[in-house]
């Protein structure tokens, strides 16, 4: 019994801990809204397992209905958080169709034609399809570092897990419901441990990705002039040295263009430093826009 209680509390404890971690991280990084979405996803994950395992004393089928709703909401929110991390649009319409169809089908096989095995297959199919859609959306997205790549591949593995595991359990044991309490069945035991691994792995990768982004922000701020958005002296010297090294390695000539703002002191003296700062910002925007156009033309030539 103590071992069973530990197993039943494993996912709720992990979910609440990760939800609190992402919420606190969002408090200091409010521009990264996906952290708050991830926190909500882990809250729903914890609630889903609590209603399935811990709140089994609830009357009738209310606990099972609540568990299904919270777990499908968790999958939806966590997939949305990962897509926002990659700056990809969340297919809420498709997620809604999958979730709605799963809820309606499970209600039918809970009340009209009770069948636990079919309900399990429906839930697994819904989670698997959401994970599969996530993987499809992430496939063409730029992946800047290893954490991003791992998030993509783990979404693939998660989809395979949800879609293939029920068939494997049926082949091994011949049933998904077990011979007694469903919460002690082989299928639900594998769900509890696999979900704990999925939750921790996704959270660790997201947090590592955030840490890498923060380091990149610090590095960028150290090499960028805050007013113009252009490279400062440190950033320019590092970028220029790298550019010259590339030219030398390719055996190509390199050149620098030096520009100056004429009569800039007169602008500051006549209109004030606030206007002068605006001129510097506008000049920086023009240079960055020109650089972006030049990059696009060079890419088109190649």
C-alpha atoms as a PDB file:
ATOM      1  CA  UNK A   1       0.000   0.000   0.000  1.00  0.00           C
ATOM      2  CA  UNK A   2       2.715   2.623   0.815  1.00  0.00           C
ATOM      3  CA  UNK A   3       4.389   1.842  -2.524  1.00  0.00           C
ATOM      4  CA  UNK A   4       1.080   2.313  -4.332  1.00  0.00           C
ATOM      5  CA  UNK A   5       0.479   5.626  -2.564  1.00  0.00           C
ATOM      6  CA  UNK A   6       3.977   6.783  -3.578  1.00  0.00           C
ATOM      7  CA  UNK A   7       3.269   5.868  -7.200  1.00  0.00           C
ATOM      8  CA  UNK A   8      -0.071   7.666  -7.137  1.00  0.00           C
ATOM      9  CA  UNK A   9       1.488  10.841  -5.742  1.00  0.00           C
ATOM     10  CA  UNK A  10       4.490  10.798  -8.097  1.00  0.00           C
ATOM     11  CA  UNK A  11       2.972  12.658 -11.053  1.00  0.00           C
ATOM     12  CA  UNK A  12       0.916  15.160  -9.011  1.00  0.00           C
ATOM     13  CA  UNK A  13       4.042  16.082  -7.023  1.00  0.00           C
ATOM     14  CA  UNK A  14       6.179  16.419 -10.164  1.00  0.00           C
ATOM     15  CA  UNK A  15       3.469  18.416 -11.918  1.00  0.00           C
ATOM     16  CA  UNK A  16       2.993  20.893  -9.079  1.00  0.00           C
ATOM     17  CA  UNK A  17       6.741  21.311  -8.569  1.00  0.00           C
ATOM     18  CA  UNK A  18       7.309  22.019 -12.270  1.00  0.00           C
ATOM     19  CA  UNK A  19       4.287  24.321 -12.403  1.00  0.00           C
ATOM     20  CA  UNK A  20       5.714  26.380  -9.521  1.00  0.00           C
ATOM     21  CA  UNK A  21       9.161  26.435 -11.165  1.00  0.00           C
ATOM     22  CA  UNK A  22       7.827  27.712 -14.489  1.00  0.00           C
ATOM     23  CA  UNK A  23       5.626  30.281 -12.744  1.00  0.00           C
ATOM     24  CA  UNK A  24       8.562  31.681 -10.769  1.00  0.00           C
ATOM     25  CA  UNK A  25      10.669  31.715 -13.940  1.00  0.00           C
ATOM     26  CA  UNK A  26       7.915  33.606 -15.758  1.00  0.00           C
ATOM     27  CA  UNK A  27       7.767  36.170 -12.919  1.00  0.00           C
ATOM     28  CA  UNK A  28      11.311  37.227 -13.846  1.00  0.00           C
ATOM     29  CA  UNK A  29      10.898  36.729 -17.617  1.00  0.00           C
ATOM     30  CA  UNK A  30       7.414  38.056 -18.380  1.00  0.00           C
ATOM     31  CA  UNK A  31       8.199  38.557 -22.056  1.00  0.00           C
ATOM     32  CA  UNK A  32       8.413  34.760 -22.385  1.00  0.00           C
ATOM     33  CA  UNK A  33       4.704  34.065 -22.082  1.00  0.00           C
ATOM     34  CA  UNK A  34       5.153  30.387 -22.936  1.00  0.00           C
ATOM     35  CA  UNK A  35       6.611  29.869 -19.447  1.00  0.00           C
ATOM     36  CA  UNK A  36       3.243  30.792 -17.914  1.00  0.00           C
ATOM     37  CA  UNK A  37       1.466  28.523 -20.411  1.00  0.00           C
ATOM     38  CA  UNK A  38       3.797  25.668 -19.418  1.00  0.00           C
ATOM     39  CA  UNK A  39       3.056  26.338 -15.748  1.00  0.00           C
ATOM     40  CA  UNK A  40      -0.695  26.053 -16.438  1.00  0.00           C
ATOM     41  CA  UNK A  41      -0.060  22.845 -18.383  1.00  0.00           C
ATOM     42  CA  UNK A  42       1.715  21.228 -15.455  1.00  0.00           C
ATOM     43  CA  UNK A  43      -1.043  22.334 -13.053  1.00  0.00           C
ATOM     44  CA  UNK A  44      -3.572  20.537 -15.278  1.00  0.00           C
ATOM     45  CA  UNK A  45      -1.289  17.508 -15.449  1.00  0.00           C
ATOM     46  CA  UNK A  46      -1.111  17.301 -11.652  1.00  0.00           C
ATOM     47  CA  UNK A  47      -4.881  17.754 -11.356  1.00  0.00           C
ATOM     48  CA  UNK A  48      -5.542  15.011 -13.914  1.00  0.00           C
ATOM     49  CA  UNK A  49      -3.540  12.439 -11.985  1.00  0.00           C
ATOM     50  CA  UNK A  50      -4.985  13.592  -8.657  1.00  0.00           C
ATOM     51  CA  UNK A  51      -8.548  13.030  -9.864  1.00  0.00           C
ATOM     52  CA  UNK A  52      -7.642   9.649 -11.357  1.00  0.00           C
ATOM     53  CA  UNK A  53      -5.646   8.251  -8.439  1.00  0.00           C
ATOM     54  CA  UNK A  54      -6.093  10.256  -5.245  1.00  0.00           C
ATOM     55  CA  UNK A  55      -9.674  11.539  -5.531  1.00  0.00           C
ATOM     56  CA  UNK A  56     -11.092   8.135  -6.461  1.00  0.00           C
ATOM     57  CA  UNK A  57     -13.587   8.461  -3.607  1.00  0.00           C
ATOM     58  CA  UNK A  58     -15.604  11.044  -5.572  1.00  0.00           C
ATOM     59  CA  UNK A  59     -19.154   9.858  -6.288  1.00  0.00           C
ATOM     60  CA  UNK A  60     -20.036   8.230  -9.592  1.00  0.00           C
ATOM     61  CA  UNK A  61     -17.832   8.952 -12.571  1.00  0.00           C
ATOM     62  CA  UNK A  62     -17.055  12.590 -11.758  1.00  0.00           C
ATOM     63  CA  UNK A  63     -13.416  11.808 -10.927  1.00  0.00           C
ATOM     64  CA  UNK A  64     -12.801  10.057 -14.252  1.00  0.00           C
ATOM     65  CA  UNK A  65     -14.467  12.857 -16.238  1.00  0.00           C
ATOM     66  CA  UNK A  66     -12.415  15.505 -14.438  1.00  0.00           C
ATOM     67  CA  UNK A  67      -9.222  13.501 -14.920  1.00  0.00           C
ATOM     68  CA  UNK A  68      -9.772  13.184 -18.667  1.00  0.00           C
ATOM     69  CA  UNK A  69     -10.536  16.895 -19.048  1.00  0.00           C
ATOM     70  CA  UNK A  70      -7.475  18.009 -17.081  1.00  0.00           C
ATOM     71  CA  UNK A  71      -5.098  15.612 -18.881  1.00  0.00           C
ATOM     72  CA  UNK A  72      -6.266  16.643 -22.363  1.00  0.00           C
ATOM     73  CA  UNK A  73      -5.960  20.302 -21.305  1.00  0.00           C
ATOM     74  CA  UNK A  74      -2.428  19.590 -20.070  1.00  0.00           C
ATOM     75  CA  UNK A  75      -1.375  18.093 -23.408  1.00  0.00           C
ATOM     76  CA  UNK A  76      -2.892  21.065 -25.252  1.00  0.00           C
ATOM     77  CA  UNK A  77      -1.202  23.689 -23.040  1.00  0.00           C
ATOM     78  CA  UNK A  78       2.235  22.043 -23.015  1.00  0.00           C
ATOM     79  CA  UNK A  79       2.198  21.632 -26.800  1.00  0.00           C
ATOM     80  CA  UNK A  80       1.185  25.283 -27.105  1.00  0.00           C
ATOM     81  CA  UNK A  81       4.024  26.365 -24.790  1.00  0.00           C
ATOM     82  CA  UNK A  82       6.610  24.496 -26.850  1.00  0.00           C
ATOM     83  CA  UNK A  83       5.254  25.957 -30.108  1.00  0.00           C
ATOM     84  CA  UNK A  84       5.381  29.467 -28.628  1.00  0.00           C
ATOM     85  CA  UNK A  85       8.980  28.793 -27.624  1.00  0.00           C
ATOM     86  CA  UNK A  86       9.728  28.168 -31.323  1.00  0.00           C
ATOM     87  CA  UNK A  87       7.581  31.174 -32.338  1.00  0.00           C
ATOM     88  CA  UNK A  88       5.207  28.835 -34.168  1.00  0.00           C
ATOM     89  CA  UNK A  89       1.452  29.305 -34.335  1.00  0.00           C
ATOM     90  CA  UNK A  90      -0.529  26.878 -32.180  1.00  0.00           C
ATOM     91  CA  UNK A  91      -3.186  24.998 -34.215  1.00  0.00           C
ATOM     92  CA  UNK A  92      -5.893  25.602 -31.620  1.00  0.00           C
ATOM     93  CA  UNK A  93      -8.644  24.632 -34.077  1.00  0.00           C
ATOM     94  CA  UNK A  94      -7.095  21.208 -34.702  1.00  0.00           C
ATOM     95  CA  UNK A  95      -6.316  20.717 -31.017  1.00  0.00           C
ATOM     96  CA  UNK A  96      -9.904  21.669 -30.218  1.00  0.00           C
ATOM     97  CA  UNK A  97     -11.292  19.149 -32.711  1.00  0.00           C
ATOM     98  CA  UNK A  98      -9.107  16.383 -31.263  1.00  0.00           C
ATOM     99  CA  UNK A  99      -9.993  17.295 -27.668  1.00  0.00           C
ATOM    100  CA  UNK A 100     -13.705  17.683 -28.410  1.00  0.00           C
ATOM    101  CA  UNK A 101     -13.922  14.385 -30.288  1.00  0.00           C
ATOM    102  CA  UNK A 102     -12.053  12.601 -27.492  1.00  0.00           C
ATOM    103  CA  UNK A 103     -14.306  14.045 -24.770  1.00  0.00           C
ATOM    104  CA  UNK A 104     -17.510  13.175 -26.660  1.00  0.00           C
ATOM    105  CA  UNK A 105     -16.305   9.654 -27.501  1.00  0.00           C
ATOM    106  CA  UNK A 106     -15.178   9.002 -23.942  1.00  0.00           C
ATOM    107  CA  UNK A 107     -18.514  10.248 -22.594  1.00  0.00           C
ATOM    108  CA  UNK A 108     -20.296   7.797 -24.908  1.00  0.00           C
ATOM    109  CA  UNK A 109     -18.188   4.846 -23.775  1.00  0.00           C
ATOM    110  CA  UNK A 110     -18.534   5.931 -20.156  1.00  0.00           C
ATOM    111  CA  UNK A 111     -22.312   6.389 -19.984  1.00  0.00           C
ATOM    112  CA  UNK A 112     -24.026   4.942 -23.079  1.00  0.00           C
ATOM    113  CA  UNK A 113     -21.880   1.897 -23.818  1.00  0.00           C
ATOM    114  CA  UNK A 114     -19.408   1.507 -20.925  1.00  0.00           C
ATOM    115  CA  UNK A 115     -16.065   0.162 -22.145  1.00  0.00           C
ATOM    116  CA  UNK A 116     -12.879   1.004 -20.287  1.00  0.00           C
ATOM    117  CA  UNK A 117     -10.533  -0.398 -22.961  1.00  0.00           C
ATOM    118  CA  UNK A 118     -12.059   1.770 -25.685  1.00  0.00           C
ATOM    119  CA  UNK A 119     -11.843   4.856 -23.435  1.00  0.00           C
ATOM    120  CA  UNK A 120      -8.148   4.177 -22.844  1.00  0.00           C
ATOM    121  CA  UNK A 121      -7.526   3.806 -26.573  1.00  0.00           C
ATOM    122  CA  UNK A 122      -9.395   7.055 -27.274  1.00  0.00           C
ATOM    123  CA  UNK A 123      -7.378   8.982 -24.662  1.00  0.00           C
ATOM    124  CA  UNK A 124      -4.063   7.587 -25.938  1.00  0.00           C
ATOM    125  CA  UNK A 125      -5.011   8.417 -29.528  1.00  0.00           C
ATOM    126  CA  UNK A 126      -5.876  12.013 -28.543  1.00  0.00           C
ATOM    127  CA  UNK A 127      -2.569  12.539 -26.706  1.00  0.00           C
ATOM    128  CA  UNK A 128      -0.669  10.881 -29.545  1.00  0.00           C
ATOM    129  CA  UNK A 129      -2.298  13.062 -32.215  1.00  0.00           C
ATOM    130  CA  UNK A 130      -1.554  16.258 -30.271  1.00  0.00           C
ATOM    131  CA  UNK A 131       2.091  15.169 -29.915  1.00  0.00           C
ATOM    132  CA  UNK A 132       2.221  14.254 -33.598  1.00  0.00           C
ATOM    133  CA  UNK A 133       0.841  17.659 -34.635  1.00  0.00           C
ATOM    134  CA  UNK A 134       3.434  19.272 -32.370  1.00  0.00           C
ATOM    135  CA  UNK A 135       6.229  17.320 -34.087  1.00  0.00           C
ATOM    136  CA  UNK A 136       4.911  18.256 -37.545  1.00  0.00           C
ATOM    137  CA  UNK A 137       4.826  21.953 -36.601  1.00  0.00           C
ATOM    138  CA  UNK A 138       8.320  21.828 -35.090  1.00  0.00           C
ATOM    139  CA  UNK A 139       9.943  19.961 -37.996  1.00  0.00           C
ATOM    140  CA  UNK A 140      10.526  23.031 -40.259  1.00  0.00           C
ATOM    141  CA  UNK A 141      11.156  25.466 -37.371  1.00  0.00           C
ATOM    142  CA  UNK A 142      14.735  26.747 -36.862  1.00  0.00           C
ATOM    143  CA  UNK A 143      16.484  24.905 -34.044  1.00  0.00           C
ATOM    144  CA  UNK A 144      19.237  27.099 -32.676  1.00  0.00           C
ATOM    145  CA  UNK A 145      20.795  24.698 -30.200  1.00  0.00           C
ATOM    146  CA  UNK A 146      20.670  21.165 -28.831  1.00  0.00           C
ATOM    147  CA  UNK A 147      17.805  21.837 -26.405  1.00  0.00           C
ATOM    148  CA  UNK A 148      15.572  22.856 -29.318  1.00  0.00           C
ATOM    149  CA  UNK A 149      16.491  19.738 -31.265  1.00  0.00           C
ATOM    150  CA  UNK A 150      15.779  17.544 -28.244  1.00  0.00           C
ATOM    151  CA  UNK A 151      12.350  19.152 -27.808  1.00  0.00           C
ATOM    152  CA  UNK A 152      11.511  18.254 -31.397  1.00  0.00           C
ATOM    153  CA  UNK A 153      12.726  14.666 -31.180  1.00  0.00           C
ATOM    154  CA  UNK A 154      11.077  14.142 -27.823  1.00  0.00           C
ATOM    155  CA  UNK A 155       7.753  15.250 -29.311  1.00  0.00           C
ATOM    156  CA  UNK A 156       8.242  12.512 -31.920  1.00  0.00           C
ATOM    157  CA  UNK A 157       9.041   9.927 -29.234  1.00  0.00           C
ATOM    158  CA  UNK A 158       6.045  11.058 -27.161  1.00  0.00           C
ATOM    159  CA  UNK A 159       3.717  10.629 -30.155  1.00  0.00           C
ATOM    160  CA  UNK A 160       5.042   7.112 -30.750  1.00  0.00           C
ATOM    161  CA  UNK A 161       4.694   6.342 -27.037  1.00  0.00           C
ATOM    162  CA  UNK A 162       1.024   7.313 -26.883  1.00  0.00           C
ATOM    163  CA  UNK A 163       0.087   5.679 -30.182  1.00  0.00           C
ATOM    164  CA  UNK A 164       2.062   2.431 -29.855  1.00  0.00           C
ATOM    165  CA  UNK A 165       2.080   1.663 -26.111  1.00  0.00           C
ATOM    166  CA  UNK A 166      -1.608   0.624 -25.841  1.00  0.00           C
ATOM    167  CA  UNK A 167      -1.157  -1.900 -28.655  1.00  0.00           C
ATOM    168  CA  UNK A 168       1.993  -3.246 -26.973  1.00  0.00           C
ATOM    169  CA  UNK A 169       0.202  -3.605 -23.606  1.00  0.00           C
ATOM    170  CA  UNK A 170      -2.726  -5.365 -25.283  1.00  0.00           C
ATOM    171  CA  UNK A 171      -0.298  -7.767 -26.948  1.00  0.00           C
ATOM    172  CA  UNK A 172       1.537  -8.481 -23.685  1.00  0.00           C
ATOM    173  CA  UNK A 173      -1.373  -8.760 -21.241  1.00  0.00           C
ATOM    174  CA  UNK A 174      -4.439  -9.064 -23.452  1.00  0.00           C
ATOM    175  CA  UNK A 175      -6.212  -6.194 -21.659  1.00  0.00           C
ATOM    176  CA  UNK A 176      -5.771  -2.540 -20.758  1.00  0.00           C
ATOM    177  CA  UNK A 177      -8.192  -2.595 -17.844  1.00  0.00           C
ATOM    178  CA  UNK A 178      -6.441  -5.227 -15.782  1.00  0.00           C
ATOM    179  CA  UNK A 179      -8.184  -7.904 -13.764  1.00  0.00           C
ATOM    180  CA  UNK A 180      -9.067  -5.676 -10.807  1.00  0.00           C
ATOM    181  CA  UNK A 181      -8.638  -1.983 -10.068  1.00  0.00           C
ATOM    182  CA  UNK A 182      -7.577  -0.100 -13.211  1.00  0.00           C
ATOM    183  CA  UNK A 183      -5.139   1.971 -11.138  1.00  0.00           C
ATOM    184  CA  UNK A 184      -3.078  -1.172 -10.481  1.00  0.00           C
ATOM    185  CA  UNK A 185      -3.165  -2.413 -14.085  1.00  0.00           C
ATOM    186  CA  UNK A 186      -0.029  -2.758 -16.198  1.00  0.00           C
ATOM    187  CA  UNK A 187      -1.238  -0.054 -18.554  1.00  0.00           C
ATOM    188  CA  UNK A 188      -1.830   2.594 -15.883  1.00  0.00           C
ATOM    189  CA  UNK A 189       1.456   1.742 -14.172  1.00  0.00           C
ATOM    190  CA  UNK A 190       3.321   2.371 -17.433  1.00  0.00           C
ATOM    191  CA  UNK A 191       1.367   5.614 -17.857  1.00  0.00           C
ATOM    192  CA  UNK A 192       2.418   6.872 -14.441  1.00  0.00           C
ATOM    193  CA  UNK A 193       6.134   6.209 -14.946  1.00  0.00           C
ATOM    194  CA  UNK A 194       6.323   7.207 -18.613  1.00  0.00           C
ATOM    195  CA  UNK A 195       4.444  10.441 -17.892  1.00  0.00           C
ATOM    196  CA  UNK A 196       6.859  11.275 -15.080  1.00  0.00           C
ATOM    197  CA  UNK A 197       9.765  10.878 -17.531  1.00  0.00           C
ATOM    198  CA  UNK A 198       7.977  12.935 -20.191  1.00  0.00           C
ATOM    199  CA  UNK A 199       7.142  15.743 -17.751  1.00  0.00           C
ATOM    200  CA  UNK A 200      10.668  16.058 -16.389  1.00  0.00           C
ATOM    201  CA  UNK A 201      12.342  15.766 -19.803  1.00  0.00           C
ATOM    202  CA  UNK A 202      10.168  18.436 -21.429  1.00  0.00           C
ATOM    203  CA  UNK A 203      10.618  20.758 -18.434  1.00  0.00           C
ATOM    204  CA  UNK A 204      14.406  20.332 -18.343  1.00  0.00           C
ATOM    205  CA  UNK A 205      14.724  21.019 -22.072  1.00  0.00           C
ATOM    206  CA  UNK A 206      12.519  24.101 -21.839  1.00  0.00           C
ATOM    207  CA  UNK A 207      14.484  25.440 -18.880  1.00  0.00           C
ATOM    208  CA  UNK A 208      17.813  24.780 -20.606  1.00  0.00           C
ATOM    209  CA  UNK A 209      16.511  26.589 -23.697  1.00  0.00           C
ATOM    210  CA  UNK A 210      15.531  29.568 -21.529  1.00  0.00           C
ATOM    211  CA  UNK A 211      18.963  29.587 -19.870  1.00  0.00           C
ATOM    212  CA  UNK A 212      20.684  29.556 -23.268  1.00  0.00           C
ATOM    213  CA  UNK A 213      18.461  32.418 -24.449  1.00  0.00           C
ATOM    214  CA  UNK A 214      19.297  34.439 -21.336  1.00  0.00           C
ATOM    215  CA  UNK A 215      23.024  33.915 -21.890  1.00  0.00           C
ATOM    216  CA  UNK A 216      22.613  34.987 -25.519  1.00  0.00           C
ATOM    217  CA  UNK A 217      20.726  38.110 -24.366  1.00  0.00           C
ATOM    218  CA  UNK A 218      23.513  39.009 -21.946  1.00  0.00           C
ATOM    219  CA  UNK A 219      26.130  38.503 -24.645  1.00  0.00           C
ATOM    220  CA  UNK A 220      24.132  40.571 -27.124  1.00  0.00           C
ATOM    221  CA  UNK A 221      23.621  43.391 -24.629  1.00  0.00           C
ATOM    222  CA  UNK A 222      27.358  43.448 -23.871  1.00  0.00           C
ATOM    223  CA  UNK A 223      28.201  43.892 -27.572  1.00  0.00           C
ATOM    224  CA  UNK A 224      25.332  46.189 -28.611  1.00  0.00           C
ATOM    225  CA  UNK A 225      24.749  49.910 -28.193  1.00  0.00           C
ATOM    226  CA  UNK A 226      21.401  50.259 -26.421  1.00  0.00           C
ATOM    227  CA  UNK A 227      20.458  53.499 -28.178  1.00  0.00           C
ATOM    228  CA  UNK A 228      21.086  52.598 -31.818  1.00  0.00           C
ATOM    229  CA  UNK A 229      20.838  48.838 -31.569  1.00  0.00           C
ATOM    230  CA  UNK A 230      24.103  48.592 -33.499  1.00  0.00           C
ATOM    231  CA  UNK A 231      27.316  46.920 -32.417  1.00  0.00           C
ATOM    232  CA  UNK A 232      29.409  48.815 -29.888  1.00  0.00           C
ATOM    233  CA  UNK A 233      33.206  48.862 -30.052  1.00  0.00           C
ATOM    234  CA  UNK A 234      33.609  45.440 -28.416  1.00  0.00           C
ATOM    235  CA  UNK A 235      31.003  43.869 -30.662  1.00  0.00           C
ATOM    236  CA  UNK A 236      32.356  45.538 -33.785  1.00  0.00           C
ATOM    237  CA  UNK A 237      35.931  44.427 -33.152  1.00  0.00           C
ATOM    238  CA  UNK A 238      34.825  40.811 -32.590  1.00  0.00           C
ATOM    239  CA  UNK A 239      32.560  40.788 -35.676  1.00  0.00           C
ATOM    240  CA  UNK A 240      35.168  42.540 -37.840  1.00  0.00           C
ATOM    241  CA  UNK A 241      37.896  40.089 -36.838  1.00  0.00           C
ATOM    242  CA  UNK A 242      35.613  37.153 -37.677  1.00  0.00           C
ATOM    243  CA  UNK A 243      34.646  38.695 -41.036  1.00  0.00           C
ATOM    244  CA  UNK A 244      38.287  39.339 -41.997  1.00  0.00           C
ATOM    245  CA  UNK A 245      39.218  35.781 -41.018  1.00  0.00           C
ATOM    246  CA  UNK A 246      36.428  34.419 -43.254  1.00  0.00           C
ATOM    247  CA  UNK A 247      37.593  36.563 -46.171  1.00  0.00           C
ATOM    248  CA  UNK A 248      41.178  35.434 -45.698  1.00  0.00           C
ATOM    249  CA  UNK A 249      40.181  31.774 -45.501  1.00  0.00           C
ATOM    250  CA  UNK A 250      38.118  32.130 -48.689  1.00  0.00           C
ATOM    251  CA  UNK A 251      40.829  34.080 -50.478  1.00  0.00           C
ATOM    252  CA  UNK A 252      38.466  37.001 -51.063  1.00  0.00           C
ATOM    253  CA  UNK A 253      39.054  40.737 -50.486  1.00  0.00           C
ATOM    254  CA  UNK A 254      37.245  42.533 -47.691  1.00  0.00           C
ATOM    255  CA  UNK A 255      36.318  46.175 -47.192  1.00  0.00           C
ATOM    256  CA  UNK A 256      34.825  48.474 -44.553  1.00  0.00           C
ATOM    257  CA  UNK A 257      32.426  51.345 -45.060  1.00  0.00           C
ATOM    258  CA  UNK A 258      32.767  54.264 -42.644  1.00  0.00           C
ATOM    259  CA  UNK A 259      29.795  56.640 -42.307  1.00  0.00           C
ATOM    260  CA  UNK A 260      29.204  59.756 -40.249  1.00  0.00           C
ATOM    261  CA  UNK A 261      26.140  61.845 -39.400  1.00  0.00           C
ATOM    262  CA  UNK A 262      26.740  65.356 -40.698  1.00  0.00           C
ATOM    263  CA  UNK A 263      25.942  68.296 -38.409  1.00  0.00           C
ATOM    264  CA  UNK A 264      24.778  65.997 -35.639  1.00  0.00           C
ATOM    265  CA  UNK A 265      26.050  68.386 -32.956  1.00  0.00           C
ATOM    266  CA  UNK A 266      23.819  71.100 -34.406  1.00  0.00           C
ATOM    267  CA  UNK A 267      20.794  68.809 -33.953  1.00  0.00           C
ATOM    268  CA  UNK A 268      21.634  68.276 -30.292  1.00  0.00           C
ATOM    269  CA  UNK A 269      22.310  72.000 -29.697  1.00  0.00           C
ATOM    270  CA  UNK A 270      19.194  73.203 -31.539  1.00  0.00           C
ATOM    271  CA  UNK A 271      16.578  70.524 -30.844  1.00  0.00           C
ATOM    272  CA  UNK A 272      17.900  68.925 -27.685  1.00  0.00           C
ATOM    273  CA  UNK A 273      19.403  65.557 -26.819  1.00  0.00           C
ATOM    274  CA  UNK A 274      16.081  63.716 -26.918  1.00  0.00           C
ATOM    275  CA  UNK A 275      15.699  64.557 -30.597  1.00  0.00           C
ATOM    276  CA  UNK A 276      19.351  63.650 -31.132  1.00  0.00           C
ATOM    277  CA  UNK A 277      18.736  60.274 -29.546  1.00  0.00           C
ATOM    278  CA  UNK A 278      15.758  59.755 -31.872  1.00  0.00           C
ATOM    279  CA  UNK A 279      17.966  60.526 -34.873  1.00  0.00           C
ATOM    280  CA  UNK A 280      20.511  57.930 -33.705  1.00  0.00           C
ATOM    281  CA  UNK A 281      17.758  55.332 -33.252  1.00  0.00           C
ATOM    282  CA  UNK A 282      16.353  56.058 -36.737  1.00  0.00           C
ATOM    283  CA  UNK A 283      19.830  55.867 -38.258  1.00  0.00           C
ATOM    284  CA  UNK A 284      20.385  52.510 -36.571  1.00  0.00           C
ATOM    285  CA  UNK A 285      17.059  51.218 -37.896  1.00  0.00           C
ATOM    286  CA  UNK A 286      18.001  52.274 -41.450  1.00  0.00           C
ATOM    287  CA  UNK A 287      21.344  50.509 -41.230  1.00  0.00           C
ATOM    288  CA  UNK A 288      19.798  47.312 -39.861  1.00  0.00           C
ATOM    289  CA  UNK A 289      17.098  47.366 -42.555  1.00  0.00           C
ATOM    290  CA  UNK A 290      19.744  47.811 -45.247  1.00  0.00           C
ATOM    291  CA  UNK A 291      21.770  44.950 -43.793  1.00  0.00           C
ATOM    292  CA  UNK A 292      18.713  42.683 -43.823  1.00  0.00           C
ATOM    293  CA  UNK A 293      18.028  43.506 -47.489  1.00  0.00           C
ATOM    294  CA  UNK A 294      21.676  42.820 -48.369  1.00  0.00           C
ATOM    295  CA  UNK A 295      21.497  39.438 -46.604  1.00  0.00           C
ATOM    296  CA  UNK A 296      18.335  38.506 -48.524  1.00  0.00           C
ATOM    297  CA  UNK A 297      19.954  39.462 -51.850  1.00  0.00           C
ATOM    298  CA  UNK A 298      23.076  37.443 -51.028  1.00  0.00           C
ATOM    299  CA  UNK A 299      20.953  34.423 -50.092  1.00  0.00           C
ATOM    300  CA  UNK A 300      19.006  34.749 -53.333  1.00  0.00           C
ATOM    301  CA  UNK A 301      22.239  34.824 -55.363  1.00  0.00           C
ATOM    302  CA  UNK A 302      23.342  31.575 -53.751  1.00  0.00           C
END
